[in-house]
Amino acid sequence: MIKLLARKNVRKILDILEREKELYFREISKNTGINTGNLSEDLNKLYYKGLVSKRSEDIEKNLPKVYYSITDLGKDALSIYQDVDLLENKCLECTYNEFPGNFDKVPNRTINSRK
């Protein structure tokens, strides 16, 4: 799930679906500027992980319109992004308070990881 949420366009897709409630594929592409190949891949991954739902509307043309909407799980994922934003803002505030005006001298902070 973390890898999916870290993908470049996923937040943008979830944000627009949260705001617009339901959009068909072409509308999502147009409103986000994501090319159709990447959008198709991301939407499929989001669908299979349960972050978006989709429905088809059969029309008398060759291809039915596929509408996407955000699920409750997708809304939970958006809250994760908001939490990360808050953490980053707090991190910037801490850094600024510790080293006001000297961002070039801020030590490189790393997180210990298991080997």
PDB file of N, CA and C in Angstrom:
ATOM      1  N   MET A   1       0.824  -1.201   0.000  1.00  0.00           N
ATOM      2  CA  MET A   1       0.000   0.000   0.000  1.00  0.00           C
ATOM      3  C   MET A   1       0.865   1.261   0.000  1.00  0.00           C
ATOM      4  N   ILE A   2       1.953   1.250   0.786  1.00  0.00           N
ATOM      5  CA  ILE A   2       2.826   2.428   0.852  1.00  0.00           C
ATOM      6  C   ILE A   2       3.419   2.733  -0.517  1.00  0.00           C
ATOM      7  N   LYS A   3       3.832   1.694  -1.245  1.00  0.00           N
ATOM      8  CA  LYS A   3       4.395   1.911  -2.586  1.00  0.00           C
ATOM      9  C   LYS A   3       3.367   2.556  -3.507  1.00  0.00           C
ATOM     10  N   LEU A   4       2.131   2.121  -3.387  1.00  0.00           N
ATOM     11  CA  LEU A   4       1.074   2.700  -4.224  1.00  0.00           C
ATOM     12  C   LEU A   4       0.854   4.170  -3.870  1.00  0.00           C
ATOM     13  N   LEU A   5       0.788   4.472  -2.586  1.00  0.00           N
ATOM     14  CA  LEU A   5       0.558   5.860  -2.165  1.00  0.00           C
ATOM     15  C   LEU A   5       1.730   6.764  -2.514  1.00  0.00           C
ATOM     16  N   ALA A   6       2.907   6.178  -2.670  1.00  0.00           N
ATOM     17  CA  ALA A   6       4.094   6.967  -3.011  1.00  0.00           C
ATOM     18  C   ALA A   6       4.204   7.243  -4.511  1.00  0.00           C
ATOM     19  N   ARG A   7       3.378   6.607  -5.304  1.00  0.00           N
ATOM     20  CA  ARG A   7       3.442   6.853  -6.756  1.00  0.00           C
ATOM     21  C   ARG A   7       3.119   8.314  -7.054  1.00  0.00           C
ATOM     22  N   LYS A   8       3.745   8.808  -8.077  1.00  0.00           N
ATOM     23  CA  LYS A   8       3.729  10.231  -8.417  1.00  0.00           C
ATOM     24  C   LYS A   8       2.332  10.857  -8.473  1.00  0.00           C
ATOM     25  N   ASN A   9       1.385  10.214  -9.129  1.00  0.00           N
ATOM     26  CA  ASN A   9       0.089  10.852  -9.400  1.00  0.00           C
ATOM     27  C   ASN A   9      -1.052  10.409  -8.500  1.00  0.00           C
ATOM     28  N   VAL A  10      -0.808   9.481  -7.602  1.00  0.00           N
ATOM     29  CA  VAL A  10      -1.891   8.906  -6.821  1.00  0.00           C
ATOM     30  C   VAL A  10      -2.602   9.952  -5.961  1.00  0.00           C
ATOM     31  N   ARG A  11      -1.842  10.784  -5.293  1.00  0.00           N
ATOM     32  CA  ARG A  11      -2.486  11.806  -4.456  1.00  0.00           C
ATOM     33  C   ARG A  11      -3.346  12.738  -5.299  1.00  0.00           C
ATOM     34  N   LYS A  12      -2.845  13.108  -6.451  1.00  0.00           N
ATOM     35  CA  LYS A  12      -3.595  13.999  -7.342  1.00  0.00           C
ATOM     36  C   LYS A  12      -4.919  13.350  -7.762  1.00  0.00           C
ATOM     37  N   ILE A  13      -4.887  12.068  -8.058  1.00  0.00           N
ATOM     38  CA  ILE A  13      -6.094  11.348  -8.462  1.00  0.00           C
ATOM     39  C   ILE A  13      -7.096  11.292  -7.302  1.00  0.00           C
ATOM     40  N   LEU A  14      -6.609  10.914  -6.132  1.00  0.00           N
ATOM     41  CA  LEU A  14      -7.505  10.827  -4.972  1.00  0.00           C
ATOM     42  C   LEU A  14      -8.074  12.188  -4.596  1.00  0.00           C
ATOM     43  N   ASP A  15      -7.246  13.220  -4.678  1.00  0.00           N
ATOM     44  CA  ASP A  15      -7.713  14.583  -4.370  1.00  0.00           C
ATOM     45  C   ASP A  15      -8.862  15.001  -5.275  1.00  0.00           C
ATOM     46  N   ILE A  16      -8.713  14.777  -6.578  1.00  0.00           N
ATOM     47  CA  ILE A  16      -9.754  15.226  -7.505  1.00  0.00           C
ATOM     48  C   ILE A  16     -11.028  14.401  -7.349  1.00  0.00           C
ATOM     49  N   LEU A  17     -10.884  13.115  -7.054  1.00  0.00           N
ATOM     50  CA  LEU A  17     -12.078  12.308  -6.843  1.00  0.00           C
ATOM     51  C   LEU A  17     -12.780  12.669  -5.542  1.00  0.00           C
ATOM     52  N   GLU A  18     -12.021  13.061  -4.554  1.00  0.00           N
ATOM     53  CA  GLU A  18     -12.615  13.532  -3.299  1.00  0.00           C
ATOM     54  C   GLU A  18     -13.415  14.819  -3.549  1.00  0.00           C
ATOM     55  N   ARG A  19     -12.845  15.680  -4.338  1.00  0.00           N
ATOM     56  CA  ARG A  19     -13.469  16.983  -4.607  1.00  0.00           C
ATOM     57  C   ARG A  19     -14.683  16.859  -5.538  1.00  0.00           C
ATOM     58  N   GLU A  20     -14.560  16.059  -6.583  1.00  0.00           N
ATOM     59  CA  GLU A  20     -15.599  16.000  -7.622  1.00  0.00           C
ATOM     60  C   GLU A  20     -16.587  14.847  -7.447  1.00  0.00           C
ATOM     61  N   LYS A  21     -16.338  13.972  -6.505  1.00  0.00           N
ATOM     62  CA  LYS A  21     -17.186  12.811  -6.178  1.00  0.00           C
ATOM     63  C   LYS A  21     -17.114  11.695  -7.209  1.00  0.00           C
ATOM     64  N   GLU A  22     -17.366  11.970  -8.473  1.00  0.00           N
ATOM     65  CA  GLU A  22     -17.309  10.923  -9.497  1.00  0.00           C
ATOM     66  C   GLU A  22     -16.939  11.557 -10.836  1.00  0.00           C
ATOM     67  N   LEU A  23     -15.980  10.944 -11.505  1.00  0.00           N
ATOM     68  CA  LEU A  23     -15.552  11.428 -12.814  1.00  0.00           C
ATOM     69  C   LEU A  23     -15.297  10.234 -13.730  1.00  0.00           C
ATOM     70  N   TYR A  24     -15.482  10.443 -15.018  1.00  0.00           N
ATOM     71  CA  TYR A  24     -15.089   9.380 -15.926  1.00  0.00           C
ATOM     72  C   TYR A  24     -13.628   9.592 -16.345  1.00  0.00           C
ATOM     73  N   PHE A  25     -13.059   8.554 -16.903  1.00  0.00           N
ATOM     74  CA  PHE A  25     -11.620   8.498 -17.172  1.00  0.00           C
ATOM     75  C   PHE A  25     -11.098   9.756 -17.857  1.00  0.00           C
ATOM     76  N   ARG A  26     -11.737  10.157 -18.930  1.00  0.00           N
ATOM     77  CA  ARG A  26     -11.270  11.309 -19.708  1.00  0.00           C
ATOM     78  C   ARG A  26     -11.275  12.591 -18.867  1.00  0.00           C
ATOM     79  N   GLU A  27     -12.275  12.744 -18.004  1.00  0.00           N
ATOM     80  CA  GLU A  27     -12.339  13.925 -17.133  1.00  0.00           C
ATOM     81  C   GLU A  27     -11.172  13.941 -16.137  1.00  0.00           C
ATOM     82  N   ILE A  28     -10.848  12.784 -15.608  1.00  0.00           N
ATOM     83  CA  ILE A  28      -9.726  12.709 -14.669  1.00  0.00           C
ATOM     84  C   ILE A  28      -8.434  13.091 -15.379  1.00  0.00           C
ATOM     85  N   SER A  29      -8.247  12.543 -16.574  1.00  0.00           N
ATOM     86  CA  SER A  29      -7.046  12.849 -17.353  1.00  0.00           C
ATOM     87  C   SER A  29      -6.973  14.346 -17.665  1.00  0.00           C
ATOM     88  N   LYS A  30      -8.062  14.905 -18.095  1.00  0.00           N
ATOM     89  CA  LYS A  30      -8.114  16.327 -18.459  1.00  0.00           C
ATOM     90  C   LYS A  30      -7.848  17.227 -17.246  1.00  0.00           C
ATOM     91  N   ASN A  31      -8.451  16.910 -16.112  1.00  0.00           N
ATOM     92  CA  ASN A  31      -8.331  17.747 -14.918  1.00  0.00           C
ATOM     93  C   ASN A  31      -7.007  17.599 -14.177  1.00  0.00           C
ATOM     94  N   THR A  32      -6.329  16.482 -14.372  1.00  0.00           N
ATOM     95  CA  THR A  32      -5.065  16.267 -13.664  1.00  0.00           C
ATOM     96  C   THR A  32      -3.846  16.467 -14.552  1.00  0.00           C
ATOM     97  N   GLY A  33      -4.024  16.361 -15.860  1.00  0.00           N
ATOM     98  CA  GLY A  33      -2.888  16.459 -16.768  1.00  0.00           C
ATOM     99  C   GLY A  33      -2.057  15.191 -16.829  1.00  0.00           C
ATOM    100  N   ILE A  34      -2.563  14.110 -16.271  1.00  0.00           N
ATOM    101  CA  ILE A  34      -1.848  12.829 -16.282  1.00  0.00           C
ATOM    102  C   ILE A  34      -2.111  12.157 -17.622  1.00  0.00           C
ATOM    103  N   ASN A  35      -1.043  11.658 -18.265  1.00  0.00           N
ATOM    104  CA  ASN A  35      -1.261  10.996 -19.550  1.00  0.00           C
ATOM    105  C   ASN A  35      -2.065   9.715 -19.352  1.00  0.00           C
ATOM    106  N   THR A  36      -2.776   9.314 -20.384  1.00  0.00           N
ATOM    107  CA  THR A  36      -3.738   8.229 -20.258  1.00  0.00           C
ATOM    108  C   THR A  36      -3.116   6.892 -19.879  1.00  0.00           C
ATOM    109  N   GLY A  37      -1.907   6.627 -20.332  1.00  0.00           N
ATOM    110  CA  GLY A  37      -1.246   5.371 -19.978  1.00  0.00           C
ATOM    111  C   GLY A  37      -0.966   5.273 -18.487  1.00  0.00           C
ATOM    112  N   ASN A  38      -0.368   6.328 -17.933  1.00  0.00           N
ATOM    113  CA  ASN A  38      -0.081   6.344 -16.500  1.00  0.00           C
ATOM    114  C   ASN A  38      -1.358   6.370 -15.676  1.00  0.00           C
ATOM    115  N   LEU A  39      -2.346   7.123 -16.136  1.00  0.00           N
ATOM    116  CA  LEU A  39      -3.606   7.219 -15.417  1.00  0.00           C
ATOM    117  C   LEU A  39      -4.299   5.862 -15.368  1.00  0.00           C
ATOM    118  N   SER A  40      -4.323   5.173 -16.476  1.00  0.00           N
ATOM    119  CA  SER A  40      -4.946   3.854 -16.526  1.00  0.00           C
ATOM    120  C   SER A  40      -4.270   2.896 -15.542  1.00  0.00           C
ATOM    121  N   GLU A  41      -2.952   2.897 -15.523  1.00  0.00           N
ATOM    122  CA  GLU A  41      -2.207   2.035 -14.607  1.00  0.00           C
ATOM    123  C   GLU A  41      -2.500   2.388 -13.150  1.00  0.00           C
ATOM    124  N   ASP A  42      -2.463   3.669 -12.834  1.00  0.00           N
ATOM    125  CA  ASP A  42      -2.710   4.105 -11.456  1.00  0.00           C
ATOM    126  C   ASP A  42      -4.146   3.802 -11.021  1.00  0.00           C
ATOM    127  N   LEU A  43      -5.108   4.082 -11.877  1.00  0.00           N
ATOM    128  CA  LEU A  43      -6.503   3.811 -11.515  1.00  0.00           C
ATOM    129  C   LEU A  43      -6.745   2.315 -11.303  1.00  0.00           C
ATOM    130  N   ASN A  44      -6.141   1.483 -12.130  1.00  0.00           N
ATOM    131  CA  ASN A  44      -6.288   0.039 -11.946  1.00  0.00           C
ATOM    132  C   ASN A  44      -5.705  -0.409 -10.616  1.00  0.00           C
ATOM    133  N   LYS A  45      -4.539   0.104 -10.263  1.00  0.00           N
ATOM    134  CA  LYS A  45      -3.925  -0.246  -8.982  1.00  0.00           C
ATOM    135  C   LYS A  45      -4.770   0.249  -7.819  1.00  0.00           C
ATOM    136  N   LEU A  46      -5.283   1.473  -7.929  1.00  0.00           N
ATOM    137  CA  LEU A  46      -6.141   2.019  -6.885  1.00  0.00           C
ATOM    138  C   LEU A  46      -7.431   1.212  -6.755  1.00  0.00           C
ATOM    139  N   TYR A  47      -7.967   0.768  -7.874  1.00  0.00           N
ATOM    140  CA  TYR A  47      -9.195  -0.034  -7.867  1.00  0.00           C
ATOM    141  C   TYR A  47      -8.954  -1.383  -7.187  1.00  0.00           C
ATOM    142  N   TYR A  48      -7.876  -2.056  -7.554  1.00  0.00           N
ATOM    143  CA  TYR A  48      -7.614  -3.381  -6.989  1.00  0.00           C
ATOM    144  C   TYR A  48      -7.222  -3.334  -5.518  1.00  0.00           C
ATOM    145  N   LYS A  49      -6.745  -2.196  -5.046  1.00  0.00           N
ATOM    146  CA  LYS A  49      -6.447  -2.038  -3.614  1.00  0.00           C
ATOM    147  C   LYS A  49      -7.658  -1.507  -2.837  1.00  0.00           C
ATOM    148  N   GLY A  50      -8.730  -1.171  -3.550  1.00  0.00           N
ATOM    149  CA  GLY A  50      -9.949  -0.738  -2.892  1.00  0.00           C
ATOM    150  C   GLY A  50     -10.017   0.740  -2.552  1.00  0.00           C
ATOM    151  N   LEU A  51      -9.126   1.553  -3.144  1.00  0.00           N
ATOM    152  CA  LEU A  51      -9.124   2.988  -2.860  1.00  0.00           C
ATOM    153  C   LEU A  51     -10.087   3.769  -3.745  1.00  0.00           C
ATOM    154  N   VAL A  52     -10.417   3.214  -4.893  1.00  0.00           N
ATOM    155  CA  VAL A  52     -11.427   3.807  -5.769  1.00  0.00           C
ATOM    156  C   VAL A  52     -12.386   2.713  -6.218  1.00  0.00           C
ATOM    157  N   SER A  53     -13.584   3.128  -6.568  1.00  0.00           N
ATOM    158  CA  SER A  53     -14.547   2.204  -7.158  1.00  0.00           C
ATOM    159  C   SER A  53     -14.808   2.672  -8.581  1.00  0.00           C
ATOM    160  N   LYS A  54     -15.360   1.781  -9.371  1.00  0.00           N
ATOM    161  CA  LYS A  54     -15.678   2.176 -10.745  1.00  0.00           C
ATOM    162  C   LYS A  54     -16.990   1.535 -11.169  1.00  0.00           C
ATOM    163  N   ARG A  55     -17.616   2.214 -12.103  1.00  0.00           N
ATOM    164  CA  ARG A  55     -18.845   1.701 -12.700  1.00  0.00           C
ATOM    165  C   ARG A  55     -18.842   2.060 -14.177  1.00  0.00           C
ATOM    166  N   SER A  56     -19.422   1.206 -14.958  1.00  0.00           N
ATOM    167  CA  SER A  56     -19.498   1.442 -16.402  1.00  0.00           C
ATOM    168  C   SER A  56     -20.892   1.887 -16.767  1.00  0.00           C
ATOM    169  N   GLU A  57     -20.924   2.829 -17.674  1.00  0.00           N
ATOM    170  CA  GLU A  57     -22.202   3.284 -18.206  1.00  0.00           C
ATOM    171  C   GLU A  57     -22.199   2.943 -19.678  1.00  0.00           C
ATOM    172  N   ASP A  58     -22.997   1.958 -20.038  1.00  0.00           N
ATOM    173  CA  ASP A  58     -23.049   1.557 -21.438  1.00  0.00           C
ATOM    174  C   ASP A  58     -23.787   2.604 -22.247  1.00  0.00           C
ATOM    175  N   ILE A  59     -23.130   3.038 -23.269  1.00  0.00           N
ATOM    176  CA  ILE A  59     -23.762   3.962 -24.201  1.00  0.00           C
ATOM    177  C   ILE A  59     -23.699   3.318 -25.572  1.00  0.00           C
ATOM    178  N   GLU A  60     -24.310   3.888 -26.520  1.00  0.00           N
ATOM    179  CA  GLU A  60     -24.417   3.259 -27.827  1.00  0.00           C
ATOM    180  C   GLU A  60     -23.162   3.422 -28.674  1.00  0.00           C
ATOM    181  N   LYS A  61     -22.068   3.725 -28.043  1.00  0.00           N
ATOM    182  CA  LYS A  61     -20.811   3.825 -28.775  1.00  0.00           C
ATOM    183  C   LYS A  61     -20.012   2.550 -28.508  1.00  0.00           C
ATOM    184  N   ASN A  62     -18.841   2.461 -29.102  1.00  0.00           N
ATOM    185  CA  ASN A  62     -18.024   1.269 -28.953  1.00  0.00           C
ATOM    186  C   ASN A  62     -17.524   1.073 -27.527  1.00  0.00           C
ATOM    187  N   LEU A  63     -17.158   2.174 -26.849  1.00  0.00           N
ATOM    188  CA  LEU A  63     -16.591   2.061 -25.515  1.00  0.00           C
ATOM    189  C   LEU A  63     -17.527   2.666 -24.473  1.00  0.00           C
ATOM    190  N   PRO A  64     -17.815   1.901 -23.441  1.00  0.00           N
ATOM    191  CA  PRO A  64     -18.643   2.481 -22.374  1.00  0.00           C
ATOM    192  C   PRO A  64     -17.818   3.480 -21.567  1.00  0.00           C
ATOM    193  N   LYS A  65     -18.496   4.449 -20.976  1.00  0.00           N
ATOM    194  CA  LYS A  65     -17.819   5.383 -20.081  1.00  0.00           C
ATOM    195  C   LYS A  65     -17.621   4.684 -18.749  1.00  0.00           C
ATOM    196  N   VAL A  66     -16.391   4.775 -18.222  1.00  0.00           N
ATOM    197  CA  VAL A  66     -16.098   4.197 -16.916  1.00  0.00           C
ATOM    198  C   VAL A  66     -15.927   5.344 -15.941  1.00  0.00           C
ATOM    199  N   TYR A  67     -16.760   5.353 -14.913  1.00  0.00           N
ATOM    200  CA  TYR A  67     -16.740   6.392 -13.886  1.00  0.00           C
ATOM    201  C   TYR A  67     -16.003   5.876 -12.654  1.00  0.00           C
ATOM    202  N   TYR A  68     -15.215   6.757 -12.062  1.00  0.00           N
ATOM    203  CA  TYR A  68     -14.452   6.425 -10.864  1.00  0.00           C
ATOM    204  C   TYR A  68     -14.878   7.324  -9.720  1.00  0.00           C
ATOM    205  N   SER A  69     -14.875   6.761  -8.518  1.00  0.00           N
ATOM    206  CA  SER A  69     -15.133   7.548  -7.310  1.00  0.00           C
ATOM    207  C   SER A  69     -14.235   7.022  -6.193  1.00  0.00           C
ATOM    208  N   ILE A  70     -13.996   7.861  -5.224  1.00  0.00           N
ATOM    209  CA  ILE A  70     -13.131   7.491  -4.112  1.00  0.00           C
ATOM    210  C   ILE A  70     -13.947   6.683  -3.091  1.00  0.00           C
ATOM    211  N   THR A  71     -13.327   5.694  -2.492  1.00  0.00           N
ATOM    212  CA  THR A  71     -13.969   4.883  -1.458  1.00  0.00           C
ATOM    213  C   THR A  71     -13.603   5.440  -0.082  1.00  0.00           C
ATOM    214  N   ASP A  72     -14.194   4.874   0.952  1.00  0.00           N
ATOM    215  CA  ASP A  72     -13.835   5.278   2.308  1.00  0.00           C
ATOM    216  C   ASP A  72     -12.360   4.995   2.579  1.00  0.00           C
ATOM    217  N   LEU A  73     -11.863   3.877   2.057  1.00  0.00           N
ATOM    218  CA  LEU A  73     -10.441   3.557   2.214  1.00  0.00           C
ATOM    219  C   LEU A  73      -9.576   4.590   1.501  1.00  0.00           C
ATOM    220  N   GLY A  74     -10.021   5.051   0.343  1.00  0.00           N
ATOM    221  CA  GLY A  74      -9.307   6.098  -0.375  1.00  0.00           C
ATOM    222  C   GLY A  74      -9.278   7.401   0.412  1.00  0.00           C
ATOM    223  N   LYS A  75     -10.377   7.693   1.096  1.00  0.00           N
ATOM    224  CA  LYS A  75     -10.420   8.891   1.944  1.00  0.00           C
ATOM    225  C   LYS A  75      -9.454   8.743   3.122  1.00  0.00           C
ATOM    226  N   ASP A  76      -9.359   7.531   3.654  1.00  0.00           N
ATOM    227  CA  ASP A  76      -8.377   7.278   4.725  1.00  0.00           C
ATOM    228  C   ASP A  76      -6.957   7.512   4.208  1.00  0.00           C
ATOM    229  N   ALA A  77      -6.714   7.101   2.965  1.00  0.00           N
ATOM    230  CA  ALA A  77      -5.387   7.310   2.368  1.00  0.00           C
ATOM    231  C   ALA A  77      -5.093   8.801   2.241  1.00  0.00           C
ATOM    232  N   LEU A  78      -6.079   9.590   1.877  1.00  0.00           N
ATOM    233  CA  LEU A  78      -5.877  11.036   1.795  1.00  0.00           C
ATOM    234  C   LEU A  78      -5.505  11.617   3.153  1.00  0.00           C
ATOM    235  N   SER A  79      -6.076  11.087   4.211  1.00  0.00           N
ATOM    236  CA  SER A  79      -5.726  11.586   5.541  1.00  0.00           C
ATOM    237  C   SER A  79      -4.272  11.263   5.873  1.00  0.00           C
ATOM    238  N   ILE A  80      -3.746  10.184   5.323  1.00  0.00           N
ATOM    239  CA  ILE A  80      -2.324   9.860   5.516  1.00  0.00           C
ATOM    240  C   ILE A  80      -1.462  10.943   4.884  1.00  0.00           C
ATOM    241  N   TYR A  81      -1.819  11.378   3.687  1.00  0.00           N
ATOM    242  CA  TYR A  81      -1.070  12.455   3.034  1.00  0.00           C
ATOM    243  C   TYR A  81      -1.106  13.724   3.885  1.00  0.00           C
ATOM    244  N   GLN A  82      -2.256  14.019   4.454  1.00  0.00           N
ATOM    245  CA  GLN A  82      -2.382  15.212   5.292  1.00  0.00           C
ATOM    246  C   GLN A  82      -1.513  15.096   6.536  1.00  0.00           C
ATOM    247  N   ASP A  83      -1.451  13.891   7.113  1.00  0.00           N
ATOM    248  CA  ASP A  83      -0.585  13.676   8.279  1.00  0.00           C
ATOM    249  C   ASP A  83       0.889  13.874   7.910  1.00  0.00           C
ATOM    250  N   VAL A  84       1.271  13.398   6.738  1.00  0.00           N
ATOM    251  CA  VAL A  84       2.651  13.581   6.277  1.00  0.00           C
ATOM    252  C   VAL A  84       2.945  15.059   6.083  1.00  0.00           C
ATOM    253  N   ASP A  85       2.002  15.798   5.517  1.00  0.00           N
ATOM    254  CA  ASP A  85       2.181  17.245   5.354  1.00  0.00           C
ATOM    255  C   ASP A  85       2.394  17.927   6.703  1.00  0.00           C
ATOM    256  N   LEU A  86       1.602  17.550   7.697  1.00  0.00           N
ATOM    257  CA  LEU A  86       1.747  18.126   9.034  1.00  0.00           C
ATOM    258  C   LEU A  86       3.131  17.814   9.615  1.00  0.00           C
ATOM    259  N   LEU A  87       3.564  16.578   9.465  1.00  0.00           N
ATOM    260  CA  LEU A  87       4.892  16.200   9.960  1.00  0.00           C
ATOM    261  C   LEU A  87       5.993  16.994   9.274  1.00  0.00           C
ATOM    262  N   GLU A  88       5.870  17.149   7.962  1.00  0.00           N
ATOM    263  CA  GLU A  88       6.884  17.907   7.236  1.00  0.00           C
ATOM    264  C   GLU A  88       6.905  19.364   7.681  1.00  0.00           C
ATOM    265  N   ASN A  89       5.733  19.945   7.904  1.00  0.00           N
ATOM    266  CA  ASN A  89       5.681  21.326   8.387  1.00  0.00           C
ATOM    267  C   ASN A  89       6.300  21.449   9.767  1.00  0.00           C
ATOM    268  N   LYS A  90       6.015  20.489  10.646  1.00  0.00           N
ATOM    269  CA  LYS A  90       6.619  20.507  11.975  1.00  0.00           C
ATOM    270  C   LYS A  90       8.123  20.349  11.883  1.00  0.00           C
ATOM    271  N   CYS A  91       8.569  19.505  10.975  1.00  0.00           N
ATOM    272  CA  CYS A  91      10.004  19.294  10.785  1.00  0.00           C
ATOM    273  C   CYS A  91      10.670  20.585  10.324  1.00  0.00           C
ATOM    274  N   LEU A  92      10.026  21.292   9.407  1.00  0.00           N
ATOM    275  CA  LEU A  92      10.577  22.565   8.935  1.00  0.00           C
ATOM    276  C   LEU A  92      10.603  23.590  10.054  1.00  0.00           C
ATOM    277  N   GLU A  93       9.556  23.618  10.877  1.00  0.00           N
ATOM    278  CA  GLU A  93       9.517  24.549  12.002  1.00  0.00           C
ATOM    279  C   GLU A  93      10.637  24.244  12.989  1.00  0.00           C
ATOM    280  N   CYS A  94      10.848  22.955  13.277  1.00  0.00           N
ATOM    281  CA  CYS A  94      11.913  22.568  14.209  1.00  0.00           C
ATOM    282  C   CYS A  94      13.271  22.966  13.652  1.00  0.00           C
ATOM    283  N   THR A  95      13.463  22.710  12.388  1.00  0.00           N
ATOM    284  CA  THR A  95      14.734  23.046  11.753  1.00  0.00           C
ATOM    285  C   THR A  95      14.958  24.548  11.782  1.00  0.00           C
ATOM    286  N   TYR A  96      13.897  25.297  11.470  1.00  0.00           N
ATOM    287  CA  TYR A  96      14.027  26.754  11.470  1.00  0.00           C
ATOM    288  C   TYR A  96      14.326  27.273  12.876  1.00  0.00           C
ATOM    289  N   ASN A  97      13.652  26.735  13.868  1.00  0.00           N
ATOM    290  CA  ASN A  97      13.875  27.185  15.243  1.00  0.00           C
ATOM    291  C   ASN A  97      15.287  26.851  15.735  1.00  0.00           C
ATOM    292  N   GLU A  98      15.819  25.717  15.312  1.00  0.00           N
ATOM    293  CA  GLU A  98      17.153  25.315  15.725  1.00  0.00           C
ATOM    294  C   GLU A  98      18.241  26.075  14.968  1.00  0.00           C
ATOM    295  N   PHE A  99      17.976  26.387  13.707  1.00  0.00           N
ATOM    296  CA  PHE A  99      18.981  27.018  12.853  1.00  0.00           C
ATOM    297  C   PHE A  99      18.374  28.178  12.074  1.00  0.00           C
ATOM    298  N   PRO A 100      17.848  29.190  12.754  1.00  0.00           N
ATOM    299  CA  PRO A 100      17.190  30.289  12.022  1.00  0.00           C
ATOM    300  C   PRO A 100      18.151  30.991  11.072  1.00  0.00           C
ATOM    301  N   GLY A 101      17.705  31.082   9.826  1.00  0.00           N
ATOM    302  CA  GLY A 101      18.493  31.800   8.827  1.00  0.00           C
ATOM    303  C   GLY A 101      19.720  31.061   8.327  1.00  0.00           C
ATOM    304  N   ASN A 102      19.980  29.872   8.832  1.00  0.00           N
ATOM    305  CA  ASN A 102      21.164  29.109   8.425  1.00  0.00           C
ATOM    306  C   ASN A 102      20.792  27.744   7.875  1.00  0.00           C
ATOM    307  N   PHE A 103      19.903  27.697   6.928  1.00  0.00           N
ATOM    308  CA  PHE A 103      19.480  26.411   6.390  1.00  0.00           C
ATOM    309  C   PHE A 103      20.618  25.670   5.704  1.00  0.00           C
ATOM    310  N   ASP A 104      21.640  26.387   5.241  1.00  0.00           N
ATOM    311  CA  ASP A 104      22.774  25.710   4.618  1.00  0.00           C
ATOM    312  C   ASP A 104      23.621  24.967   5.645  1.00  0.00           C
ATOM    313  N   LYS A 105      23.431  25.247   6.937  1.00  0.00           N
ATOM    314  CA  LYS A 105      24.210  24.579   7.980  1.00  0.00           C
ATOM    315  C   LYS A 105      23.391  23.550   8.754  1.00  0.00           C
ATOM    316  N   VAL A 106      22.176  23.244   8.267  1.00  0.00           N
ATOM    317  CA  VAL A 106      21.337  22.259   8.937  1.00  0.00           C
ATOM    318  C   VAL A 106      21.954  20.890   8.752  1.00  0.00           C
ATOM    319  N   PRO A 107      22.140  20.137   9.835  1.00  0.00           N
ATOM    320  CA  PRO A 107      22.737  18.807   9.696  1.00  0.00           C
ATOM    321  C   PRO A 107      21.819  17.882   8.918  1.00  0.00           C
ATOM    322  N   ASN A 108      22.412  16.941   8.234  1.00  0.00           N
ATOM    323  CA  ASN A 108      21.665  15.960   7.480  1.00  0.00           C
ATOM    324  C   ASN A 108      21.054  14.973   8.467  1.00  0.00           C
ATOM    325  N   ARG A 109      19.733  14.970   8.590  1.00  0.00           N
ATOM    326  CA  ARG A 109      19.048  14.083   9.523  1.00  0.00           C
ATOM    327  C   ARG A 109      18.676  12.803   8.806  1.00  0.00           C
ATOM    328  N   THR A 110      19.022  11.699   9.392  1.00  0.00           N
ATOM    329  CA  THR A 110      18.653  10.413   8.823  1.00  0.00           C
ATOM    330  C   THR A 110      17.907   9.604   9.870  1.00  0.00           C
ATOM    331  N   ILE A 111      17.126   8.679   9.399  1.00  0.00           N
ATOM    332  CA  ILE A 111      16.393   7.784  10.286  1.00  0.00           C
ATOM    333  C   ILE A 111      17.120   6.451  10.297  1.00  0.00           C
ATOM    334  N   ASN A 112      17.361   5.939  11.483  1.00  0.00           N
ATOM    335  CA  ASN A 112      18.009   4.634  11.593  1.00  0.00           C
ATOM    336  C   ASN A 112      17.092   3.579  11.004  1.00  0.00           C
ATOM    337  N   SER A 113      17.662   2.676  10.236  1.00  0.00           N
ATOM    338  CA  SER A 113      16.871   1.599   9.664  1.00  0.00           C
ATOM    339  C   SER A 113      17.480   0.260  10.033  1.00  0.00           C
ATOM    340  N   ARG A 114      16.647  -0.744  10.046  1.00  0.00           N
ATOM    341  CA  ARG A 114      17.128  -2.086  10.355  1.00  0.00           C
ATOM    342  C   ARG A 114      17.918  -2.619   9.167  1.00  0.00           C
ATOM    343  N   LYS A 115      18.913  -3.395   9.480  1.00  0.00           N
ATOM    344  CA  LYS A 115      19.697  -4.015   8.399  1.00  0.00           C
ATOM    345  C   LYS A 115      19.336  -5.466   8.263  1.00  0.00           C
TER     346      LYS A 115
END
